């Protein structure tokens, strides 16, 4: 995947090279818009996880290939995970990790799970797809 950040330029050029001697089909998707996920690009790891507090709902999106949104649970008893668009073409999932960053379980949209303060949630697309927030948006609710 390739991300080209907005600059003052009005034209962008993309080069694709094929180091093999055979023909390889390539899909290239280009779109421009402001990211809806305001935690990007900083929350792509445990160390950059965005804190989410009790009685709070926050939203994110998987807007670039390979994107993951990491969230730090700062005080709660449960977390609920939902896709913002019903039947989203981006198959989202959320992995729960304990405070030692050890995998605990996986949530699919509509699932909830009991957590403790210090847990983490990693949201990503299970097939490594991405898309505009309208098709890749999600919410986390901490109770």
C-alpha atoms as a PDB file:
ATOM      1  CA  UNK A   1       0.000   0.000   0.000  1.00  0.00           C
ATOM      2  CA  UNK A   2       1.044   3.574  -0.516  1.00  0.00           C
ATOM      3  CA  UNK A   3      -0.131   6.731   1.200  1.00  0.00           C
ATOM      4  CA  UNK A   4       0.510  10.089  -0.417  1.00  0.00           C
ATOM      5  CA  UNK A   5      -0.111  12.895   2.062  1.00  0.00           C
ATOM      6  CA  UNK A   6      -1.690  16.098   0.808  1.00  0.00           C
ATOM      7  CA  UNK A   7       0.756  18.827  -0.127  1.00  0.00           C
ATOM      8  CA  UNK A   8       0.456  22.118  -1.947  1.00  0.00           C
ATOM      9  CA  UNK A   9       0.832  20.279  -5.273  1.00  0.00           C
ATOM     10  CA  UNK A  10      -2.236  19.948  -7.461  1.00  0.00           C
ATOM     11  CA  UNK A  11      -1.006  16.855  -9.343  1.00  0.00           C
ATOM     12  CA  UNK A  12       0.171  13.518  -8.061  1.00  0.00           C
ATOM     13  CA  UNK A  13       2.072  10.884 -10.011  1.00  0.00           C
ATOM     14  CA  UNK A  14       2.244   7.202  -9.137  1.00  0.00           C
ATOM     15  CA  UNK A  15       4.716   4.763 -10.656  1.00  0.00           C
ATOM     16  CA  UNK A  16       4.201   1.027 -10.568  1.00  0.00           C
ATOM     17  CA  UNK A  17       7.052  -1.276 -11.493  1.00  0.00           C
ATOM     18  CA  UNK A  18       6.994  -4.998 -12.187  1.00  0.00           C
ATOM     19  CA  UNK A  19      10.356  -6.712 -11.555  1.00  0.00           C
ATOM     20  CA  UNK A  20       9.123  -9.992 -13.066  1.00  0.00           C
ATOM     21  CA  UNK A  21       9.110 -11.023 -16.706  1.00  0.00           C
ATOM     22  CA  UNK A  22       5.402 -11.868 -16.657  1.00  0.00           C
ATOM     23  CA  UNK A  23       2.333  -9.668 -16.849  1.00  0.00           C
ATOM     24  CA  UNK A  24       0.848  -8.902 -13.443  1.00  0.00           C
ATOM     25  CA  UNK A  25      -2.543  -7.181 -13.195  1.00  0.00           C
ATOM     26  CA  UNK A  26      -2.634  -4.260 -10.771  1.00  0.00           C
ATOM     27  CA  UNK A  27      -5.613  -2.473  -9.252  1.00  0.00           C
ATOM     28  CA  UNK A  28      -4.964   1.160  -8.446  1.00  0.00           C
ATOM     29  CA  UNK A  29      -7.475   3.140  -6.447  1.00  0.00           C
ATOM     30  CA  UNK A  30      -6.970   6.833  -5.909  1.00  0.00           C
ATOM     31  CA  UNK A  31      -9.253   9.071  -3.934  1.00  0.00           C
ATOM     32  CA  UNK A  32      -8.842  12.279  -2.074  1.00  0.00           C
ATOM     33  CA  UNK A  33     -10.668  13.453   0.996  1.00  0.00           C
ATOM     34  CA  UNK A  34      -9.972  14.483   4.550  1.00  0.00           C
ATOM     35  CA  UNK A  35      -9.583  11.602   6.985  1.00  0.00           C
ATOM     36  CA  UNK A  36     -12.606  11.114   9.183  1.00  0.00           C
ATOM     37  CA  UNK A  37     -10.542   9.183  11.718  1.00  0.00           C
ATOM     38  CA  UNK A  38      -8.973  12.048  13.667  1.00  0.00           C
ATOM     39  CA  UNK A  39      -6.671   9.655  15.547  1.00  0.00           C
ATOM     40  CA  UNK A  40      -4.677   8.948  12.360  1.00  0.00           C
ATOM     41  CA  UNK A  41      -1.883   8.393  11.774  1.00  0.00           C
ATOM     42  CA  UNK A  42      -0.751   8.233  15.422  1.00  0.00           C
ATOM     43  CA  UNK A  43      -2.807   5.334  16.802  1.00  0.00           C
ATOM     44  CA  UNK A  44      -1.288   2.546  14.698  1.00  0.00           C
ATOM     45  CA  UNK A  45       0.466   0.763  17.578  1.00  0.00           C
ATOM     46  CA  UNK A  46       0.144  -0.062  21.274  1.00  0.00           C
ATOM     47  CA  UNK A  47       2.428   2.880  22.086  1.00  0.00           C
ATOM     48  CA  UNK A  48       0.227   5.303  20.139  1.00  0.00           C
ATOM     49  CA  UNK A  49      -3.103   3.927  21.363  1.00  0.00           C
ATOM     50  CA  UNK A  50      -5.824   6.548  21.836  1.00  0.00           C
ATOM     51  CA  UNK A  51      -7.333   6.524  25.335  1.00  0.00           C
ATOM     52  CA  UNK A  52     -11.071   5.911  25.572  1.00  0.00           C
ATOM     53  CA  UNK A  53     -12.815   6.496  28.901  1.00  0.00           C
ATOM     54  CA  UNK A  54     -15.875   5.092  30.684  1.00  0.00           C
ATOM     55  CA  UNK A  55     -19.295   6.187  29.413  1.00  0.00           C
ATOM     56  CA  UNK A  56     -17.760   7.218  26.077  1.00  0.00           C
ATOM     57  CA  UNK A  57     -18.317   6.312  22.445  1.00  0.00           C
ATOM     58  CA  UNK A  58     -15.541   7.083  19.975  1.00  0.00           C
ATOM     59  CA  UNK A  59     -15.259   6.413  16.259  1.00  0.00           C
ATOM     60  CA  UNK A  60     -12.539   5.498  13.812  1.00  0.00           C
ATOM     61  CA  UNK A  61     -12.120   4.142  10.310  1.00  0.00           C
ATOM     62  CA  UNK A  62      -9.825   1.790   8.428  1.00  0.00           C
ATOM     63  CA  UNK A  63      -8.993   4.227   5.648  1.00  0.00           C
ATOM     64  CA  UNK A  64      -5.657   2.935   4.314  1.00  0.00           C
ATOM     65  CA  UNK A  65      -4.327  -0.544   3.524  1.00  0.00           C
ATOM     66  CA  UNK A  66      -2.707  -2.149   6.546  1.00  0.00           C
ATOM     67  CA  UNK A  67      -4.351   0.362   8.890  1.00  0.00           C
ATOM     68  CA  UNK A  68      -5.053  -0.601  12.493  1.00  0.00           C
ATOM     69  CA  UNK A  69      -6.616   1.561  15.145  1.00  0.00           C
ATOM     70  CA  UNK A  70      -5.335   0.918  18.672  1.00  0.00           C
ATOM     71  CA  UNK A  71      -7.369   2.065  21.672  1.00  0.00           C
ATOM     72  CA  UNK A  72      -6.369   2.104  25.339  1.00  0.00           C
ATOM     73  CA  UNK A  73      -9.182   1.347  27.794  1.00  0.00           C
ATOM     74  CA  UNK A  74      -8.851   3.902  30.588  1.00  0.00           C
ATOM     75  CA  UNK A  75     -11.364   2.693  33.139  1.00  0.00           C
ATOM     76  CA  UNK A  76     -14.407   0.601  32.269  1.00  0.00           C
ATOM     77  CA  UNK A  77     -16.192  -2.683  32.675  1.00  0.00           C
ATOM     78  CA  UNK A  78     -17.107  -3.484  29.065  1.00  0.00           C
ATOM     79  CA  UNK A  79     -16.435  -2.443  25.495  1.00  0.00           C
ATOM     80  CA  UNK A  80     -18.871  -2.722  22.549  1.00  0.00           C
ATOM     81  CA  UNK A  81     -17.716  -2.780  18.930  1.00  0.00           C
ATOM     82  CA  UNK A  82     -19.901  -1.796  15.961  1.00  0.00           C
ATOM     83  CA  UNK A  83     -19.519  -1.085  12.254  1.00  0.00           C
ATOM     84  CA  UNK A  84     -21.057   2.282  11.354  1.00  0.00           C
ATOM     85  CA  UNK A  85     -22.537   0.954   8.112  1.00  0.00           C
ATOM     86  CA  UNK A  86     -24.724  -2.130   8.102  1.00  0.00           C
ATOM     87  CA  UNK A  87     -23.360  -4.779   5.773  1.00  0.00           C
ATOM     88  CA  UNK A  88     -20.066  -2.934   5.421  1.00  0.00           C
ATOM     89  CA  UNK A  89     -17.931  -4.204   2.543  1.00  0.00           C
ATOM     90  CA  UNK A  90     -14.872  -3.912   4.786  1.00  0.00           C
ATOM     91  CA  UNK A  91     -14.901  -6.921   7.179  1.00  0.00           C
ATOM     92  CA  UNK A  92     -13.934  -5.251  10.440  1.00  0.00           C
ATOM     93  CA  UNK A  93     -12.843  -7.030  13.598  1.00  0.00           C
ATOM     94  CA  UNK A  94     -11.496  -5.951  16.969  1.00  0.00           C
ATOM     95  CA  UNK A  95      -8.895  -7.890  18.932  1.00  0.00           C
ATOM     96  CA  UNK A  96      -8.767  -7.395  22.694  1.00  0.00           C
ATOM     97  CA  UNK A  97      -5.389  -7.430  24.479  1.00  0.00           C
ATOM     98  CA  UNK A  98      -4.691  -7.311  28.205  1.00  0.00           C
ATOM     99  CA  UNK A  99      -2.414  -4.747  29.866  1.00  0.00           C
ATOM    100  CA  UNK A 100       0.629  -6.914  28.999  1.00  0.00           C
ATOM    101  CA  UNK A 101      -0.342  -6.668  25.283  1.00  0.00           C
ATOM    102  CA  UNK A 102      -1.283 -10.360  25.262  1.00  0.00           C
ATOM    103  CA  UNK A 103      -4.149 -11.383  22.943  1.00  0.00           C
ATOM    104  CA  UNK A 104      -7.402 -12.181  24.809  1.00  0.00           C
ATOM    105  CA  UNK A 105     -10.249 -12.492  22.270  1.00  0.00           C
ATOM    106  CA  UNK A 106     -11.743 -11.200  19.021  1.00  0.00           C
ATOM    107  CA  UNK A 107     -14.924  -9.147  18.632  1.00  0.00           C
ATOM    108  CA  UNK A 108     -17.004  -8.895  15.476  1.00  0.00           C
ATOM    109  CA  UNK A 109     -19.355  -5.940  14.862  1.00  0.00           C
ATOM    110  CA  UNK A 110     -22.201  -6.073  17.376  1.00  0.00           C
ATOM    111  CA  UNK A 111     -20.145  -7.876  20.045  1.00  0.00           C
ATOM    112  CA  UNK A 112     -19.336  -6.717  23.573  1.00  0.00           C
ATOM    113  CA  UNK A 113     -16.742  -7.957  26.036  1.00  0.00           C
ATOM    114  CA  UNK A 114     -15.869  -7.351  29.695  1.00  0.00           C
ATOM    115  CA  UNK A 115     -12.540  -5.571  30.050  1.00  0.00           C
ATOM    116  CA  UNK A 116     -10.420  -4.025  32.756  1.00  0.00           C
ATOM    117  CA  UNK A 117      -8.626  -0.680  32.820  1.00  0.00           C
ATOM    118  CA  UNK A 118      -5.372  -0.983  30.922  1.00  0.00           C
ATOM    119  CA  UNK A 119      -6.710  -3.316  28.229  1.00  0.00           C
ATOM    120  CA  UNK A 120      -6.243  -2.496  24.542  1.00  0.00           C
ATOM    121  CA  UNK A 121      -8.474  -2.849  21.490  1.00  0.00           C
ATOM    122  CA  UNK A 122      -7.008  -3.181  17.988  1.00  0.00           C
ATOM    123  CA  UNK A 123      -9.494  -2.595  15.147  1.00  0.00           C
ATOM    124  CA  UNK A 124      -8.566  -3.653  11.613  1.00  0.00           C
ATOM    125  CA  UNK A 125      -9.927  -5.262   8.448  1.00  0.00           C
ATOM    126  CA  UNK A 126      -9.613  -9.034   8.519  1.00  0.00           C
ATOM    127  CA  UNK A 127      -8.871  -9.159   4.777  1.00  0.00           C
ATOM    128  CA  UNK A 128      -6.492  -6.150   4.708  1.00  0.00           C
ATOM    129  CA  UNK A 129      -9.005  -4.052   2.732  1.00  0.00           C
ATOM    130  CA  UNK A 130      -9.560  -0.373   3.438  1.00  0.00           C
ATOM    131  CA  UNK A 131     -11.899   2.326   2.271  1.00  0.00           C
ATOM    132  CA  UNK A 132     -13.442   5.715   2.892  1.00  0.00           C
ATOM    133  CA  UNK A 133     -14.969   6.144   6.333  1.00  0.00           C
ATOM    134  CA  UNK A 134     -18.446   5.548   4.928  1.00  0.00           C
ATOM    135  CA  UNK A 135     -17.518   1.925   4.271  1.00  0.00           C
ATOM    136  CA  UNK A 136     -14.847   1.348   6.940  1.00  0.00           C
ATOM    137  CA  UNK A 137     -16.104   3.337   9.928  1.00  0.00           C
ATOM    138  CA  UNK A 138     -16.577   1.781  13.353  1.00  0.00           C
ATOM    139  CA  UNK A 139     -17.464   2.781  16.887  1.00  0.00           C
ATOM    140  CA  UNK A 140     -16.250   1.645  20.291  1.00  0.00           C
ATOM    141  CA  UNK A 141     -18.434   2.224  23.332  1.00  0.00           C
ATOM    142  CA  UNK A 142     -16.938   1.868  26.785  1.00  0.00           C
ATOM    143  CA  UNK A 143     -19.350   1.416  29.701  1.00  0.00           C
END
